[in-house]
Amino acid sequence: MPHRVSKSDSSATSSGLFDLNLPEVGAGEGPLPNPEPTFETQIEHAMFLLSTRPPDFYEKRLARMSPEPFRLP
């Protein structure tokens, strides 16, 4: 049995140049509530991201940086 296409299907191709074919949001629909993360959660996330870097990441990054970003010919 083929899948029925909904009114808000955004994968269909449009023939109009300025038709963005965006999904239609009905009454009662919308984004789910997402509370802002606490400061502690943000710090934990930052520490996790920093811990995933290799030990020599910052030394290699500094070596690649140019002390003079603008050079005249």
PDB file of N, CA and C in Angstrom:
ATOM      1  N   MET A   1       0.849  -1.173   0.000  1.00  0.00           N
ATOM      2  CA  MET A   1       0.000   0.000   0.000  1.00  0.00           C
ATOM      3  C   MET A   1       0.895   1.236   0.000  1.00  0.00           C
ATOM      4  N   PRO A   2       0.760   2.126  -0.964  1.00  0.00           N
ATOM      5  CA  PRO A   2       1.631   3.300  -1.022  1.00  0.00           C
ATOM      6  C   PRO A   2       1.343   4.269   0.113  1.00  0.00           C
ATOM      7  N   HIS A   3       2.378   4.963   0.493  1.00  0.00           N
ATOM      8  CA  HIS A   3       2.275   5.945   1.575  1.00  0.00           C
ATOM      9  C   HIS A   3       1.538   7.180   1.060  1.00  0.00           C
ATOM     10  N   ARG A   4       0.535   7.628   1.788  1.00  0.00           N
ATOM     11  CA  ARG A   4      -0.206   8.822   1.390  1.00  0.00           C
ATOM     12  C   ARG A   4       0.600  10.066   1.721  1.00  0.00           C
ATOM     13  N   VAL A   5       0.679  10.968   0.788  1.00  0.00           N
ATOM     14  CA  VAL A   5       1.424  12.209   0.984  1.00  0.00           C
ATOM     15  C   VAL A   5       0.559  13.186   1.754  1.00  0.00           C
ATOM     16  N   SER A   6       1.149  13.797   2.773  1.00  0.00           N
ATOM     17  CA  SER A   6       0.395  14.752   3.572  1.00  0.00           C
ATOM     18  C   SER A   6       0.432  16.127   2.921  1.00  0.00           C
ATOM     19  N   LYS A   7      -0.391  17.034   3.414  1.00  0.00           N
ATOM     20  CA  LYS A   7      -0.472  18.388   2.907  1.00  0.00           C
ATOM     21  C   LYS A   7       0.819  19.159   3.181  1.00  0.00           C
ATOM     22  N   SER A   8       1.560  18.766   4.218  1.00  0.00           N
ATOM     23  CA  SER A   8       2.771  19.488   4.580  1.00  0.00           C
ATOM     24  C   SER A   8       4.037  18.759   4.137  1.00  0.00           C
ATOM     25  N   ASP A   9       3.948  17.926   3.105  1.00  0.00           N
ATOM     26  CA  ASP A   9       5.113  17.212   2.599  1.00  0.00           C
ATOM     27  C   ASP A   9       6.055  18.207   1.934  1.00  0.00           C
ATOM     28  N   SER A  10       7.286  18.325   2.437  1.00  0.00           N
ATOM     29  CA  SER A  10       8.224  19.300   1.894  1.00  0.00           C
ATOM     30  C   SER A  10       9.179  18.687   0.884  1.00  0.00           C
ATOM     31  N   SER A  11       9.020  17.416   0.544  1.00  0.00           N
ATOM     32  CA  SER A  11       9.936  16.782  -0.396  1.00  0.00           C
ATOM     33  C   SER A  11       9.435  16.858  -1.834  1.00  0.00           C
ATOM     34  N   ALA A  12       8.234  17.366  -2.053  1.00  0.00           N
ATOM     35  CA  ALA A  12       7.701  17.464  -3.406  1.00  0.00           C
ATOM     36  C   ALA A  12       8.389  18.600  -4.149  1.00  0.00           C
ATOM     37  N   THR A  13       8.574  18.422  -5.454  1.00  0.00           N
ATOM     38  CA  THR A  13       9.219  19.440  -6.279  1.00  0.00           C
ATOM     39  C   THR A  13       8.177  20.423  -6.793  1.00  0.00           C
ATOM     40  N   SER A  14       8.506  21.694  -6.688  1.00  0.00           N
ATOM     41  CA  SER A  14       7.591  22.735  -7.127  1.00  0.00           C
ATOM     42  C   SER A  14       8.038  23.274  -8.478  1.00  0.00           C
ATOM     43  N   SER A  15       7.080  23.715  -9.285  1.00  0.00           N
ATOM     44  CA  SER A  15       7.423  24.314 -10.574  1.00  0.00           C
ATOM     45  C   SER A  15       7.585  25.822 -10.463  1.00  0.00           C
ATOM     46  N   GLY A  16       7.131  26.417  -9.379  1.00  0.00           N
ATOM     47  CA  GLY A  16       7.247  27.858  -9.193  1.00  0.00           C
ATOM     48  C   GLY A  16       8.627  28.240  -8.690  1.00  0.00           C
ATOM     49  N   LEU A  17       9.189  29.312  -9.234  1.00  0.00           N
ATOM     50  CA  LEU A  17      10.535  29.743  -8.854  1.00  0.00           C
ATOM     51  C   LEU A  17      10.608  30.196  -7.398  1.00  0.00           C
ATOM     52  N   PHE A  18       9.587  30.923  -6.930  1.00  0.00           N
ATOM     53  CA  PHE A  18       9.620  31.458  -5.578  1.00  0.00           C
ATOM     54  C   PHE A  18       8.756  30.666  -4.597  1.00  0.00           C
ATOM     55  N   ASP A  19       8.278  29.517  -4.994  1.00  0.00           N
ATOM     56  CA  ASP A  19       7.489  28.671  -4.104  1.00  0.00           C
ATOM     57  C   ASP A  19       8.450  27.831  -3.270  1.00  0.00           C
ATOM     58  N   LEU A  20       8.546  28.119  -1.985  1.00  0.00           N
ATOM     59  CA  LEU A  20       9.483  27.410  -1.110  1.00  0.00           C
ATOM     60  C   LEU A  20       8.966  26.058  -0.668  1.00  0.00           C
ATOM     61  N   ASN A  21       7.679  25.806  -0.847  1.00  0.00           N
ATOM     62  CA  ASN A  21       7.075  24.525  -0.497  1.00  0.00           C
ATOM     63  C   ASN A  21       7.354  24.166   0.955  1.00  0.00           C
ATOM     64  N   LEU A  22       7.142  25.104   1.852  1.00  0.00           N
ATOM     65  CA  LEU A  22       7.377  24.883   3.272  1.00  0.00           C
ATOM     66  C   LEU A  22       6.199  24.131   3.882  1.00  0.00           C
ATOM     67  N   PRO A  23       6.458  23.332   4.917  1.00  0.00           N
ATOM     68  CA  PRO A  23       5.356  22.623   5.567  1.00  0.00           C
ATOM     69  C   PRO A  23       4.398  23.601   6.236  1.00  0.00           C
ATOM     70  N   GLU A  24       3.127  23.242   6.241  1.00  0.00           N
ATOM     71  CA  GLU A  24       2.120  24.088   6.867  1.00  0.00           C
ATOM     72  C   GLU A  24       1.941  23.667   8.322  1.00  0.00           C
ATOM     73  N   VAL A  25       1.959  24.642   9.209  1.00  0.00           N
ATOM     74  CA  VAL A  25       1.789  24.378  10.635  1.00  0.00           C
ATOM     75  C   VAL A  25       0.331  24.612  10.980  1.00  0.00           C
ATOM     76  N   GLY A  26      -0.294  23.577  11.502  1.00  0.00           N
ATOM     77  CA  GLY A  26      -1.705  23.674  11.844  1.00  0.00           C
ATOM     78  C   GLY A  26      -1.918  24.219  13.235  1.00  0.00           C
ATOM     79  N   ALA A  27      -3.172  24.391  13.586  1.00  0.00           N
ATOM     80  CA  ALA A  27      -3.519  24.889  14.921  1.00  0.00           C
ATOM     81  C   ALA A  27      -3.108  23.863  15.969  1.00  0.00           C
ATOM     82  N   GLY A  28      -2.473  24.307  17.017  1.00  0.00           N
ATOM     83  CA  GLY A  28      -2.025  23.416  18.087  1.00  0.00           C
ATOM     84  C   GLY A  28      -0.684  22.763  17.802  1.00  0.00           C
ATOM     85  N   GLU A  29      -0.125  22.977  16.619  1.00  0.00           N
ATOM     86  CA  GLU A  29       1.182  22.427  16.297  1.00  0.00           C
ATOM     87  C   GLU A  29       2.237  23.497  16.505  1.00  0.00           C
ATOM     88  N   GLY A  30       3.430  23.081  16.755  1.00  0.00           N
ATOM     89  CA  GLY A  30       4.508  24.033  16.954  1.00  0.00           C
ATOM     90  C   GLY A  30       5.690  23.326  17.587  1.00  0.00           C
ATOM     91  N   PRO A  31       6.742  24.071  17.884  1.00  0.00           N
ATOM     92  CA  PRO A  31       7.912  23.449  18.494  1.00  0.00           C
ATOM     93  C   PRO A  31       7.615  22.967  19.909  1.00  0.00           C
ATOM     94  N   LEU A  32       8.285  21.925  20.292  1.00  0.00           N
ATOM     95  CA  LEU A  32       8.131  21.409  21.647  1.00  0.00           C
ATOM     96  C   LEU A  32       8.814  22.348  22.630  1.00  0.00           C
ATOM     97  N   PRO A  33       8.303  22.450  23.844  1.00  0.00           N
ATOM     98  CA  PRO A  33       8.952  23.325  24.826  1.00  0.00           C
ATOM     99  C   PRO A  33      10.348  22.796  25.152  1.00  0.00           C
ATOM    100  N   ASN A  34      11.299  23.690  25.149  1.00  0.00           N
ATOM    101  CA  ASN A  34      12.682  23.318  25.404  1.00  0.00           C
ATOM    102  C   ASN A  34      13.256  24.308  26.414  1.00  0.00           C
ATOM    103  N   PRO A  35      13.314  23.919  27.690  1.00  0.00           N
ATOM    104  CA  PRO A  35      13.812  24.861  28.692  1.00  0.00           C
ATOM    105  C   PRO A  35      15.287  25.169  28.466  1.00  0.00           C
ATOM    106  N   GLU A  36      15.681  26.374  28.836  1.00  0.00           N
ATOM    107  CA  GLU A  36      17.077  26.769  28.689  1.00  0.00           C
ATOM    108  C   GLU A  36      17.941  25.941  29.632  1.00  0.00           C
ATOM    109  N   PRO A  37      19.109  25.459  29.139  1.00  0.00           N
ATOM    110  CA  PRO A  37      19.956  24.635  30.000  1.00  0.00           C
ATOM    111  C   PRO A  37      20.535  25.451  31.148  1.00  0.00           C
ATOM    112  N   THR A  38      20.783  24.784  32.235  1.00  0.00           N
ATOM    113  CA  THR A  38      21.362  25.457  33.396  1.00  0.00           C
ATOM    114  C   THR A  38      22.831  25.762  33.132  1.00  0.00           C
ATOM    115  N   PHE A  39      23.395  26.621  33.950  1.00  0.00           N
ATOM    116  CA  PHE A  39      24.812  26.965  33.821  1.00  0.00           C
ATOM    117  C   PHE A  39      25.684  25.733  34.012  1.00  0.00           C
ATOM    118  N   GLU A  40      25.325  24.877  34.957  1.00  0.00           N
ATOM    119  CA  GLU A  40      26.099  23.665  35.215  1.00  0.00           C
ATOM    120  C   GLU A  40      26.089  22.737  33.997  1.00  0.00           C
ATOM    121  N   THR A  41      24.943  22.616  33.351  1.00  0.00           N
ATOM    122  CA  THR A  41      24.847  21.771  32.156  1.00  0.00           C
ATOM    123  C   THR A  41      25.704  22.329  31.030  1.00  0.00           C
ATOM    124  N   GLN A  42      25.703  23.651  30.877  1.00  0.00           N
ATOM    125  CA  GLN A  42      26.522  24.269  29.840  1.00  0.00           C
ATOM    126  C   GLN A  42      28.010  24.058  30.113  1.00  0.00           C
ATOM    127  N   ILE A  43      28.410  24.166  31.371  1.00  0.00           N
ATOM    128  CA  ILE A  43      29.819  23.948  31.731  1.00  0.00           C
ATOM    129  C   ILE A  43      30.214  22.490  31.483  1.00  0.00           C
ATOM    130  N   GLU A  44      29.337  21.539  31.851  1.00  0.00           N
ATOM    131  CA  GLU A  44      29.621  20.132  31.602  1.00  0.00           C
ATOM    132  C   GLU A  44      29.788  19.863  30.109  1.00  0.00           C
ATOM    133  N   HIS A  45      28.944  20.474  29.310  1.00  0.00           N
ATOM    134  CA  HIS A  45      29.037  20.286  27.872  1.00  0.00           C
ATOM    135  C   HIS A  45      30.340  20.879  27.318  1.00  0.00           C
ATOM    136  N   ALA A  46      30.705  22.063  27.790  1.00  0.00           N
ATOM    137  CA  ALA A  46      31.950  22.693  27.354  1.00  0.00           C
ATOM    138  C   ALA A  46      33.156  21.848  27.759  1.00  0.00           C
ATOM    139  N   MET A  47      33.137  21.319  28.975  1.00  0.00           N
ATOM    140  CA  MET A  47      34.252  20.471  29.426  1.00  0.00           C
ATOM    141  C   MET A  47      34.338  19.198  28.583  1.00  0.00           C
ATOM    142  N   PHE A  48      33.199  18.644  28.218  1.00  0.00           N
ATOM    143  CA  PHE A  48      33.206  17.459  27.364  1.00  0.00           C
ATOM    144  C   PHE A  48      33.817  17.779  26.001  1.00  0.00           C
ATOM    145  N   LEU A  49      33.399  18.911  25.406  1.00  0.00           N
ATOM    146  CA  LEU A  49      33.948  19.277  24.104  1.00  0.00           C
ATOM    147  C   LEU A  49      35.448  19.515  24.175  1.00  0.00           C
ATOM    148  N   LEU A  50      35.906  20.168  25.232  1.00  0.00           N
ATOM    149  CA  LEU A  50      37.339  20.401  25.382  1.00  0.00           C
ATOM    150  C   LEU A  50      38.108  19.104  25.610  1.00  0.00           C
ATOM    151  N   SER A  51      37.484  18.149  26.261  1.00  0.00           N
ATOM    152  CA  SER A  51      38.176  16.881  26.532  1.00  0.00           C
ATOM    153  C   SER A  51      38.307  16.010  25.285  1.00  0.00           C
ATOM    154  N   THR A  52      37.547  16.307  24.232  1.00  0.00           N
ATOM    155  CA  THR A  52      37.635  15.509  23.010  1.00  0.00           C
ATOM    156  C   THR A  52      38.763  15.969  22.093  1.00  0.00           C
ATOM    157  N   ARG A  53      39.393  17.101  22.395  1.00  0.00           N
ATOM    158  CA  ARG A  53      40.503  17.598  21.578  1.00  0.00           C
ATOM    159  C   ARG A  53      41.758  16.786  21.863  1.00  0.00           C
ATOM    160  N   PRO A  54      42.604  16.572  20.840  1.00  0.00           N
ATOM    161  CA  PRO A  54      43.879  15.900  21.096  1.00  0.00           C
ATOM    162  C   PRO A  54      44.771  16.778  21.971  1.00  0.00           C
ATOM    163  N   PRO A  55      45.721  16.196  22.674  1.00  0.00           N
ATOM    164  CA  PRO A  55      46.548  16.984  23.609  1.00  0.00           C
ATOM    165  C   PRO A  55      47.334  18.107  22.937  1.00  0.00           C
ATOM    166  N   ASP A  56      47.758  17.927  21.699  1.00  0.00           N
ATOM    167  CA  ASP A  56      48.567  18.947  21.042  1.00  0.00           C
ATOM    168  C   ASP A  56      47.738  19.837  20.106  1.00  0.00           C
ATOM    169  N   PHE A  57      46.440  19.889  20.297  1.00  0.00           N
ATOM    170  CA  PHE A  57      45.575  20.658  19.406  1.00  0.00           C
ATOM    171  C   PHE A  57      45.922  22.139  19.417  1.00  0.00           C
ATOM    172  N   TYR A  58      46.080  22.727  20.584  1.00  0.00           N
ATOM    173  CA  TYR A  58      46.314  24.163  20.685  1.00  0.00           C
ATOM    174  C   TYR A  58      47.698  24.552  20.165  1.00  0.00           C
ATOM    175  N   GLU A  59      48.700  23.710  20.387  1.00  0.00           N
ATOM    176  CA  GLU A  59      50.035  23.999  19.867  1.00  0.00           C
ATOM    177  C   GLU A  59      50.030  23.978  18.343  1.00  0.00           C
ATOM    178  N   LYS A  60      49.350  22.999  17.744  1.00  0.00           N
ATOM    179  CA  LYS A  60      49.257  22.936  16.281  1.00  0.00           C
ATOM    180  C   LYS A  60      48.471  24.125  15.735  1.00  0.00           C
ATOM    181  N   ARG A  61      47.420  24.529  16.443  1.00  0.00           N
ATOM    182  CA  ARG A  61      46.613  25.663  15.990  1.00  0.00           C
ATOM    183  C   ARG A  61      47.421  26.950  16.034  1.00  0.00           C
ATOM    184  N   LEU A  62      48.182  27.145  17.101  1.00  0.00           N
ATOM    185  CA  LEU A  62      49.016  28.340  17.195  1.00  0.00           C
ATOM    186  C   LEU A  62      50.087  28.352  16.118  1.00  0.00           C
ATOM    187  N   ALA A  63      50.635  27.184  15.779  1.00  0.00           N
ATOM    188  CA  ALA A  63      51.662  27.118  14.739  1.00  0.00           C
ATOM    189  C   ALA A  63      51.097  27.467  13.374  1.00  0.00           C
ATOM    190  N   ARG A  64      49.819  27.164  13.134  1.00  0.00           N
ATOM    191  CA  ARG A  64      49.193  27.470  11.847  1.00  0.00           C
ATOM    192  C   ARG A  64      48.767  28.931  11.724  1.00  0.00           C
ATOM    193  N   MET A  65      48.632  29.621  12.843  1.00  0.00           N
ATOM    194  CA  MET A  65      48.153  31.002  12.812  1.00  0.00           C
ATOM    195  C   MET A  65      49.241  31.935  12.280  1.00  0.00           C
ATOM    196  N   SER A  66      48.803  32.916  11.511  1.00  0.00           N
ATOM    197  CA  SER A  66      49.730  33.903  10.969  1.00  0.00           C
ATOM    198  C   SER A  66      49.758  35.110  11.893  1.00  0.00           C
ATOM    199  N   PRO A  67      50.950  35.578  12.281  1.00  0.00           N
ATOM    200  CA  PRO A  67      50.996  36.750  13.156  1.00  0.00           C
ATOM    201  C   PRO A  67      50.574  38.026  12.422  1.00  0.00           C
ATOM    202  N   GLU A  68      50.678  38.028  11.092  1.00  0.00           N
ATOM    203  CA  GLU A  68      50.274  39.192  10.306  1.00  0.00           C
ATOM    204  C   GLU A  68      49.233  38.743   9.283  1.00  0.00           C
ATOM    205  N   PRO A  69      47.954  38.968   9.598  1.00  0.00           N
ATOM    206  CA  PRO A  69      46.927  38.488   8.687  1.00  0.00           C
ATOM    207  C   PRO A  69      46.868  39.233   7.360  1.00  0.00           C
ATOM    208  N   PHE A  70      47.333  40.497   7.328  1.00  0.00           N
ATOM    209  CA  PHE A  70      47.295  41.279   6.094  1.00  0.00           C
ATOM    210  C   PHE A  70      48.724  41.556   5.651  1.00  0.00           C
ATOM    211  N   ARG A  71      49.049  41.082   4.468  1.00  0.00           N
ATOM    212  CA  ARG A  71      50.398  41.301   3.926  1.00  0.00           C
ATOM    213  C   ARG A  71      50.296  42.127   2.657  1.00  0.00           C
ATOM    214  N   LEU A  72      51.095  43.155   2.579  1.00  0.00           N
ATOM    215  CA  LEU A  72      51.118  43.977   1.384  1.00  0.00           C
ATOM    216  C   LEU A  72      52.107  43.383   0.395  1.00  0.00           C
ATOM    217  N   PRO A  73      51.812  43.482  -0.922  1.00  0.00           N
ATOM    218  CA  PRO A  73      52.739  42.896  -1.917  1.00  0.00           C
ATOM    219  C   PRO A  73      54.020  43.678  -2.040  1.00  0.00           C
TER     220      PRO A  73
END
